[in-house]
């Protein structure tokens, strides 16, 4: 093997290791998130829906379905249950009365903020042994990776 082939093989292994670490990290975060959610009367799909509403504001069922990769009928059922638990409400669009948007209520916002804060506290405890420089480098690199992965 020449130097170029050795370097290419090393790069392939590094990428494989990064992918594996990201997969494991994602799994751990998801599990920790579910542990936190178990303290609430909220299912993981309801939490994801609330996160989208928290992040982007009012949405139609269609918009929310697309974000969550769910059928509109599934999203409608999800919203029905969230409305029943007073987490969201359906609101007619001011400009087009035919359009109905899902609006997050105070209780939904409170739960999202609490859960996110608990998740951030968990991450902060994991990062305690990292130097400030390491944390900032991690933030920079994750932001760059996220930017490169965003659809155009």
N, C-alpha and C. Protein backbone atom coordinates (compact mmCIF):
# COMPACT_ATOMS: atom_id res chain seq x y z
N UNK A 1 0.83 -1.19 0.00
CA UNK A 1 0.00 0.00 0.00
C UNK A 1 0.88 1.25 0.00
N UNK A 2 0.54 2.20 -0.88
CA UNK A 2 1.31 3.44 -0.87
C UNK A 2 0.74 4.40 0.18
N UNK A 3 1.41 5.53 0.37
CA UNK A 3 1.01 6.51 1.41
C UNK A 3 -0.41 7.01 1.18
N UNK A 4 -0.76 7.27 -0.08
CA UNK A 4 -2.10 7.78 -0.42
C UNK A 4 -3.19 6.79 -0.02
N UNK A 5 -2.97 5.50 -0.31
CA UNK A 5 -3.95 4.46 0.02
C UNK A 5 -4.09 4.30 1.54
N UNK A 6 -2.97 4.41 2.25
CA UNK A 6 -2.99 4.31 3.71
C UNK A 6 -3.77 5.49 4.29
N UNK A 7 -3.53 6.71 3.76
CA UNK A 7 -4.24 7.89 4.25
C UNK A 7 -5.74 7.77 3.96
N UNK A 8 -6.10 7.30 2.76
CA UNK A 8 -7.50 7.14 2.41
C UNK A 8 -8.18 6.12 3.32
N UNK A 9 -7.50 5.03 3.61
CA UNK A 9 -8.06 4.01 4.48
C UNK A 9 -8.26 4.58 5.89
N UNK A 10 -7.29 5.38 6.35
CA UNK A 10 -7.41 6.02 7.67
C UNK A 10 -8.60 6.97 7.69
N UNK A 11 -8.79 7.75 6.61
CA UNK A 11 -9.91 8.68 6.54
C UNK A 11 -11.24 7.94 6.59
N UNK A 12 -11.33 6.81 5.89
CA UNK A 12 -12.55 6.00 5.90
C UNK A 12 -12.84 5.51 7.31
N UNK A 13 -11.80 5.09 8.03
CA UNK A 13 -11.98 4.61 9.39
C UNK A 13 -12.40 5.75 10.32
N UNK A 14 -11.82 6.92 10.13
CA UNK A 14 -12.19 8.08 10.96
C UNK A 14 -13.66 8.43 10.75
N UNK A 15 -14.09 8.44 9.50
CA UNK A 15 -15.50 8.75 9.19
C UNK A 15 -16.41 7.68 9.81
N UNK A 16 -16.01 6.42 9.71
CA UNK A 16 -16.79 5.33 10.30
C UNK A 16 -16.89 5.51 11.82
N UNK A 17 -15.79 5.90 12.45
CA UNK A 17 -15.78 6.13 13.90
C UNK A 17 -16.67 7.31 14.29
N UNK A 18 -16.63 8.38 13.50
CA UNK A 18 -17.47 9.55 13.77
C UNK A 18 -18.94 9.17 13.65
N UNK A 19 -19.29 8.44 12.59
CA UNK A 19 -20.68 8.03 12.38
C UNK A 19 -21.16 7.18 13.55
N UNK A 20 -20.31 6.26 13.99
CA UNK A 20 -20.66 5.37 15.10
C UNK A 20 -20.86 6.17 16.39
N UNK A 21 -19.94 7.10 16.66
CA UNK A 21 -20.07 7.93 17.87
C UNK A 21 -21.34 8.77 17.82
N UNK A 22 -21.64 9.36 16.66
CA UNK A 22 -22.85 10.17 16.53
C UNK A 22 -24.10 9.32 16.75
N UNK A 23 -24.09 8.11 16.23
CA UNK A 23 -25.23 7.20 16.41
C UNK A 23 -25.42 6.87 17.89
N UNK A 24 -24.32 6.55 18.58
CA UNK A 24 -24.41 6.23 20.01
C UNK A 24 -24.85 7.43 20.83
N UNK A 25 -24.29 8.60 20.52
CA UNK A 25 -24.67 9.83 21.23
C UNK A 25 -26.15 10.12 21.03
N UNK A 26 -26.62 9.98 19.80
CA UNK A 26 -28.03 10.21 19.49
C UNK A 26 -28.92 9.27 20.30
N UNK A 27 -28.53 8.03 20.38
CA UNK A 27 -29.29 7.03 21.13
C UNK A 27 -29.33 7.37 22.62
N UNK A 28 -28.21 7.78 23.18
CA UNK A 28 -28.14 8.14 24.60
C UNK A 28 -29.01 9.37 24.88
N UNK A 29 -28.93 10.37 24.01
CA UNK A 29 -29.73 11.59 24.18
C UNK A 29 -31.21 11.25 24.11
N UNK A 30 -31.59 10.41 23.15
CA UNK A 30 -32.99 10.01 23.00
C UNK A 30 -33.46 9.29 24.27
N UNK A 31 -32.64 8.38 24.79
CA UNK A 31 -33.01 7.63 26.00
C UNK A 31 -33.14 8.57 27.21
N UNK A 32 -32.19 9.48 27.35
CA UNK A 32 -32.23 10.44 28.46
C UNK A 32 -33.47 11.33 28.33
N UNK A 33 -33.76 11.74 27.11
CA UNK A 33 -34.95 12.55 26.86
C UNK A 33 -36.22 11.82 27.25
N UNK A 34 -36.28 10.53 26.95
CA UNK A 34 -37.46 9.74 27.31
C UNK A 34 -37.59 9.58 28.82
N UNK A 35 -36.46 9.45 29.50
CA UNK A 35 -36.49 9.38 30.97
C UNK A 35 -37.08 10.68 31.54
N UNK A 36 -36.64 11.80 31.01
CA UNK A 36 -37.15 13.11 31.46
C UNK A 36 -38.64 13.22 31.13
N UNK A 37 -39.03 12.81 29.91
CA UNK A 37 -40.43 12.90 29.48
C UNK A 37 -41.35 12.02 30.32
N UNK A 38 -40.81 10.93 30.88
CA UNK A 38 -41.65 10.02 31.67
C UNK A 38 -42.22 10.71 32.91
N UNK A 39 -41.67 11.86 33.28
CA UNK A 39 -42.16 12.62 34.42
C UNK A 39 -43.38 13.48 34.04
N UNK A 40 -43.74 13.46 32.75
CA UNK A 40 -44.83 14.29 32.23
C UNK A 40 -45.86 13.39 31.55
N UNK A 41 -47.06 13.93 31.36
CA UNK A 41 -48.09 13.18 30.63
C UNK A 41 -47.99 13.56 29.15
N UNK A 42 -46.84 13.27 28.58
CA UNK A 42 -46.53 13.68 27.22
C UNK A 42 -45.79 12.53 26.54
N UNK A 43 -46.24 12.15 25.35
CA UNK A 43 -45.55 11.09 24.61
C UNK A 43 -44.39 11.70 23.82
N UNK A 44 -43.40 10.89 23.44
CA UNK A 44 -42.31 11.42 22.61
C UNK A 44 -42.79 12.12 21.33
N UNK A 45 -43.76 11.56 20.57
CA UNK A 45 -44.22 12.30 19.38
C UNK A 45 -44.88 13.65 19.73
N UNK A 46 -45.59 13.70 20.86
CA UNK A 46 -46.20 14.98 21.28
C UNK A 46 -45.10 15.98 21.61
N UNK A 47 -44.04 15.51 22.26
CA UNK A 47 -42.92 16.39 22.60
C UNK A 47 -42.28 16.94 21.32
N UNK A 48 -42.09 16.07 20.34
CA UNK A 48 -41.47 16.50 19.08
C UNK A 48 -42.36 17.55 18.40
N UNK A 49 -43.67 17.32 18.41
CA UNK A 49 -44.60 18.30 17.82
C UNK A 49 -44.50 19.64 18.55
N UNK A 50 -44.48 19.59 19.88
CA UNK A 50 -44.35 20.83 20.66
C UNK A 50 -43.03 21.53 20.38
N UNK A 51 -41.96 20.75 20.20
CA UNK A 51 -40.66 21.36 19.88
C UNK A 51 -40.74 22.14 18.56
N UNK A 52 -41.37 21.54 17.54
CA UNK A 52 -41.51 22.24 16.26
C UNK A 52 -42.32 23.53 16.43
N UNK A 53 -43.40 23.46 17.18
CA UNK A 53 -44.23 24.64 17.40
C UNK A 53 -43.47 25.70 18.20
N UNK A 54 -42.70 25.25 19.18
CA UNK A 54 -41.90 26.15 20.01
C UNK A 54 -40.86 26.86 19.15
N UNK A 55 -40.24 26.10 18.26
CA UNK A 55 -39.15 26.61 17.41
C UNK A 55 -39.66 27.51 16.29
N UNK A 56 -40.78 27.12 15.64
CA UNK A 56 -41.23 27.82 14.43
C UNK A 56 -42.54 28.57 14.57
N UNK A 57 -43.22 28.43 15.71
CA UNK A 57 -44.49 29.12 15.88
C UNK A 57 -45.65 28.32 15.29
N UNK A 58 -46.79 28.97 15.18
CA UNK A 58 -48.01 28.30 14.71
C UNK A 58 -47.80 27.66 13.34
N UNK A 59 -48.40 26.47 13.17
CA UNK A 59 -48.28 25.72 11.91
C UNK A 59 -49.61 25.06 11.59
N UNK A 60 -49.79 24.77 10.31
CA UNK A 60 -50.95 23.96 9.91
C UNK A 60 -50.62 22.50 10.20
N UNK A 61 -51.64 21.66 10.19
CA UNK A 61 -51.45 20.21 10.36
C UNK A 61 -50.50 19.71 9.27
N UNK A 62 -50.68 20.19 8.05
CA UNK A 62 -49.83 19.77 6.92
C UNK A 62 -48.37 20.10 7.15
N UNK A 63 -48.11 21.33 7.62
CA UNK A 63 -46.73 21.75 7.90
C UNK A 63 -46.12 20.87 8.99
N UNK A 64 -46.87 20.66 10.06
CA UNK A 64 -46.40 19.86 11.18
C UNK A 64 -46.17 18.41 10.74
N UNK A 65 -47.08 17.88 9.92
CA UNK A 65 -46.93 16.52 9.39
C UNK A 65 -45.63 16.38 8.60
N UNK A 66 -45.35 17.36 7.76
CA UNK A 66 -44.12 17.33 6.96
C UNK A 66 -42.88 17.38 7.83
N UNK A 67 -42.88 18.23 8.84
CA UNK A 67 -41.73 18.35 9.74
C UNK A 67 -41.48 17.04 10.49
N UNK A 68 -42.57 16.36 10.85
CA UNK A 68 -42.45 15.16 11.68
C UNK A 68 -42.42 13.87 10.84
N UNK A 69 -42.55 14.01 9.52
CA UNK A 69 -42.59 12.85 8.63
C UNK A 69 -43.71 11.89 9.01
N UNK A 70 -44.88 12.45 9.27
CA UNK A 70 -46.05 11.65 9.64
C UNK A 70 -47.18 11.94 8.65
N UNK A 71 -48.11 10.99 8.54
CA UNK A 71 -49.31 11.21 7.73
C UNK A 71 -50.16 12.28 8.41
N UNK A 72 -50.89 13.06 7.62
CA UNK A 72 -51.75 14.10 8.19
C UNK A 72 -52.76 13.52 9.18
N UNK A 73 -53.29 12.33 8.90
CA UNK A 73 -54.27 11.72 9.82
C UNK A 73 -53.62 11.41 11.17
N UNK A 74 -52.37 10.96 11.14
CA UNK A 74 -51.65 10.66 12.39
C UNK A 74 -51.41 11.94 13.17
N UNK A 75 -51.01 12.99 12.46
CA UNK A 75 -50.76 14.28 13.10
C UNK A 75 -52.06 14.86 13.67
N UNK A 76 -53.15 14.68 12.96
CA UNK A 76 -54.45 15.15 13.45
C UNK A 76 -54.80 14.47 14.77
N UNK A 77 -54.61 13.16 14.85
CA UNK A 77 -54.87 12.43 16.11
C UNK A 77 -53.98 12.94 17.23
N UNK A 78 -52.70 13.18 16.90
CA UNK A 78 -51.73 13.68 17.87
C UNK A 78 -52.18 15.05 18.40
N UNK A 79 -52.58 15.93 17.50
CA UNK A 79 -53.03 17.27 17.88
C UNK A 79 -54.32 17.19 18.69
N UNK A 80 -55.22 16.28 18.32
CA UNK A 80 -56.47 16.10 19.09
C UNK A 80 -56.15 15.80 20.55
N UNK A 81 -55.21 14.88 20.78
CA UNK A 81 -54.85 14.51 22.16
C UNK A 81 -54.16 15.67 22.89
N UNK A 82 -53.31 16.41 22.16
CA UNK A 82 -52.63 17.55 22.77
C UNK A 82 -53.62 18.67 23.10
N UNK A 83 -54.62 18.84 22.24
CA UNK A 83 -55.66 19.85 22.48
C UNK A 83 -56.47 19.47 23.72
N UNK A 84 -56.78 18.19 23.84
CA UNK A 84 -57.53 17.68 24.98
C UNK A 84 -56.77 17.92 26.30
N UNK A 85 -55.43 17.84 26.23
CA UNK A 85 -54.60 18.08 27.41
C UNK A 85 -54.20 19.55 27.58
N UNK A 86 -54.84 20.41 26.78
CA UNK A 86 -54.64 21.87 26.85
C UNK A 86 -53.19 22.29 26.63
N UNK A 87 -52.52 21.60 25.69
CA UNK A 87 -51.15 21.96 25.33
C UNK A 87 -51.14 22.84 24.08
N UNK A 88 -52.14 22.63 23.21
CA UNK A 88 -52.27 23.40 21.97
C UNK A 88 -53.74 23.71 21.72
N UNK A 89 -53.98 24.61 20.79
CA UNK A 89 -55.34 24.88 20.32
C UNK A 89 -55.31 25.13 18.83
N UNK A 90 -56.43 24.86 18.19
CA UNK A 90 -56.57 25.16 16.76
C UNK A 90 -57.10 26.59 16.64
N UNK A 91 -56.47 27.35 15.75
CA UNK A 91 -56.85 28.76 15.56
C UNK A 91 -57.00 29.03 14.07
N UNK A 92 -58.12 29.68 13.70
CA UNK A 92 -58.33 30.04 12.29
C UNK A 92 -57.35 31.16 11.91
N UNK A 93 -56.76 31.03 10.74
CA UNK A 93 -55.83 32.02 10.22
C UNK A 93 -56.58 33.34 10.02
N UNK A 94 -55.98 34.46 10.44
CA UNK A 94 -56.63 35.77 10.32
C UNK A 94 -56.81 36.19 8.87
N UNK A 95 -55.86 35.78 8.00
CA UNK A 95 -55.90 36.20 6.59
C UNK A 95 -56.74 35.28 5.71
N UNK A 96 -56.85 34.02 6.12
CA UNK A 96 -57.61 33.04 5.33
C UNK A 96 -58.33 32.12 6.30
N UNK A 97 -59.63 32.35 6.47
CA UNK A 97 -60.41 31.62 7.48
C UNK A 97 -60.50 30.11 7.20
N UNK A 98 -60.14 29.69 5.97
CA UNK A 98 -60.15 28.26 5.64
C UNK A 98 -58.95 27.54 6.26
N UNK A 99 -57.91 28.30 6.58
CA UNK A 99 -56.67 27.73 7.11
C UNK A 99 -56.75 27.69 8.63
N UNK A 100 -56.43 26.52 9.19
CA UNK A 100 -56.41 26.35 10.65
C UNK A 100 -54.97 26.09 11.07
N UNK A 101 -54.52 26.84 12.04
CA UNK A 101 -53.15 26.68 12.55
C UNK A 101 -53.18 26.09 13.96
N UNK A 102 -52.12 25.38 14.27
CA UNK A 102 -51.97 24.81 15.62
C UNK A 102 -51.14 25.81 16.41
N UNK A 103 -51.68 26.24 17.53
CA UNK A 103 -51.04 27.24 18.39
C UNK A 103 -50.71 26.61 19.74
N UNK A 104 -49.48 26.77 20.18
CA UNK A 104 -49.08 26.23 21.48
C UNK A 104 -49.59 27.12 22.60
N UNK A 105 -50.20 26.48 23.60
CA UNK A 105 -50.71 27.18 24.77
C UNK A 105 -49.63 27.26 25.86
N UNK A 106 -49.89 28.04 26.89
CA UNK A 106 -48.92 28.26 27.97
C UNK A 106 -48.42 26.95 28.59
N UNK A 107 -49.32 25.98 28.80
CA UNK A 107 -48.93 24.72 29.42
C UNK A 107 -47.95 23.96 28.53
N UNK A 108 -48.18 23.96 27.24
CA UNK A 108 -47.25 23.32 26.30
C UNK A 108 -45.89 23.99 26.33
N UNK A 109 -45.91 25.31 26.35
CA UNK A 109 -44.67 26.09 26.41
C UNK A 109 -43.92 25.82 27.71
N UNK A 110 -44.64 25.76 28.82
CA UNK A 110 -44.02 25.50 30.13
C UNK A 110 -43.33 24.13 30.13
N UNK A 111 -44.02 23.12 29.60
CA UNK A 111 -43.46 21.77 29.59
C UNK A 111 -42.22 21.73 28.70
N UNK A 112 -42.29 22.30 27.52
CA UNK A 112 -41.14 22.32 26.61
C UNK A 112 -39.95 22.98 27.27
N UNK A 113 -40.17 24.15 27.87
CA UNK A 113 -39.07 24.87 28.51
C UNK A 113 -38.46 24.05 29.65
N UNK A 114 -39.29 23.41 30.45
CA UNK A 114 -38.80 22.57 31.55
C UNK A 114 -37.98 21.39 31.05
N UNK A 115 -38.52 20.68 30.07
CA UNK A 115 -37.84 19.50 29.54
C UNK A 115 -36.52 19.89 28.89
N UNK A 116 -36.51 20.95 28.10
CA UNK A 116 -35.28 21.40 27.45
C UNK A 116 -34.25 21.80 28.51
N UNK A 117 -34.71 22.49 29.56
CA UNK A 117 -33.79 22.88 30.62
C UNK A 117 -33.17 21.65 31.30
N UNK A 118 -33.98 20.63 31.55
CA UNK A 118 -33.47 19.40 32.16
C UNK A 118 -32.49 18.70 31.23
N UNK A 119 -32.76 18.71 29.94
CA UNK A 119 -31.84 18.10 28.97
C UNK A 119 -30.52 18.87 28.93
N UNK A 120 -30.61 20.19 28.98
CA UNK A 120 -29.40 21.01 28.97
C UNK A 120 -28.59 20.80 30.25
N UNK A 121 -29.28 20.65 31.39
CA UNK A 121 -28.58 20.37 32.65
C UNK A 121 -27.84 19.05 32.57
N UNK A 122 -28.49 18.04 31.97
CA UNK A 122 -27.84 16.74 31.78
C UNK A 122 -26.57 16.90 30.94
N UNK A 123 -26.68 17.60 29.82
CA UNK A 123 -25.53 17.80 28.94
C UNK A 123 -24.42 18.57 29.66
N UNK A 124 -24.82 19.56 30.44
CA UNK A 124 -23.83 20.33 31.20
C UNK A 124 -23.07 19.42 32.17
N UNK A 125 -23.78 18.50 32.80
CA UNK A 125 -23.10 17.58 33.74
C UNK A 125 -22.15 16.66 32.99
N UNK A 126 -22.51 16.26 31.76
CA UNK A 126 -21.63 15.41 30.96
C UNK A 126 -20.37 16.18 30.55
N UNK A 127 -20.50 17.48 30.32
CA UNK A 127 -19.37 18.30 29.84
C UNK A 127 -18.50 18.85 30.96
N UNK A 128 -18.79 18.49 32.22
CA UNK A 128 -18.03 19.05 33.35
C UNK A 128 -16.53 18.80 33.27
N UNK A 129 -16.12 17.66 32.72
CA UNK A 129 -14.69 17.35 32.64
C UNK A 129 -14.02 17.89 31.38
N UNK A 130 -14.77 18.61 30.56
CA UNK A 130 -14.22 19.23 29.36
C UNK A 130 -13.70 20.62 29.73
N UNK A 131 -12.60 21.02 29.09
CA UNK A 131 -12.11 22.40 29.28
C UNK A 131 -13.03 23.34 28.51
N UNK A 132 -12.96 24.62 28.85
CA UNK A 132 -13.76 25.63 28.13
C UNK A 132 -13.42 25.60 26.64
N UNK A 133 -12.15 25.44 26.34
CA UNK A 133 -11.69 25.38 24.95
C UNK A 133 -12.30 24.17 24.22
N UNK A 134 -12.33 23.03 24.90
CA UNK A 134 -12.91 21.82 24.30
C UNK A 134 -14.42 22.00 24.04
N UNK A 135 -15.11 22.60 24.99
CA UNK A 135 -16.55 22.83 24.83
C UNK A 135 -16.80 23.77 23.66
N UNK A 136 -16.04 24.85 23.57
CA UNK A 136 -16.21 25.81 22.48
C UNK A 136 -15.86 25.17 21.14
N UNK A 137 -14.82 24.33 21.10
CA UNK A 137 -14.44 23.63 19.88
C UNK A 137 -15.54 22.66 19.45
N UNK A 138 -16.11 21.95 20.42
CA UNK A 138 -17.19 21.02 20.14
C UNK A 138 -18.39 21.77 19.55
N UNK A 139 -18.73 22.90 20.17
CA UNK A 139 -19.85 23.72 19.70
C UNK A 139 -19.61 24.18 18.27
N UNK A 140 -18.42 24.68 18.01
CA UNK A 140 -18.07 25.15 16.65
C UNK A 140 -18.18 24.02 15.62
N UNK A 141 -17.59 22.88 15.96
CA UNK A 141 -17.58 21.75 15.02
C UNK A 141 -18.98 21.18 14.79
N UNK A 142 -19.79 21.10 15.85
CA UNK A 142 -21.16 20.61 15.68
C UNK A 142 -21.98 21.59 14.84
N UNK A 143 -21.79 22.89 15.08
CA UNK A 143 -22.51 23.91 14.29
C UNK A 143 -22.11 23.81 12.81
N UNK A 144 -20.83 23.60 12.56
CA UNK A 144 -20.34 23.47 11.18
C UNK A 144 -20.92 22.21 10.53
N UNK A 145 -20.93 21.09 11.26
CA UNK A 145 -21.48 19.84 10.74
C UNK A 145 -22.97 20.01 10.45
N UNK A 146 -23.68 20.65 11.37
CA UNK A 146 -25.12 20.89 11.19
C UNK A 146 -25.36 21.74 9.94
N UNK A 147 -24.57 22.78 9.77
CA UNK A 147 -24.71 23.68 8.62
C UNK A 147 -24.50 22.91 7.31
N UNK A 148 -23.50 22.03 7.29
CA UNK A 148 -23.20 21.26 6.08
C UNK A 148 -24.30 20.24 5.76
N UNK A 149 -25.02 19.79 6.79
CA UNK A 149 -26.05 18.76 6.61
C UNK A 149 -27.42 19.35 6.26
N UNK A 150 -27.60 20.65 6.49
CA UNK A 150 -28.89 21.28 6.23
C UNK A 150 -29.24 21.17 4.76
N UNK A 151 -30.52 20.84 4.47
CA UNK A 151 -30.92 20.80 3.06
C UNK A 151 -30.85 22.20 2.46
N UNK A 152 -30.56 22.26 1.19
CA UNK A 152 -30.41 23.56 0.49
C UNK A 152 -31.72 24.27 0.31
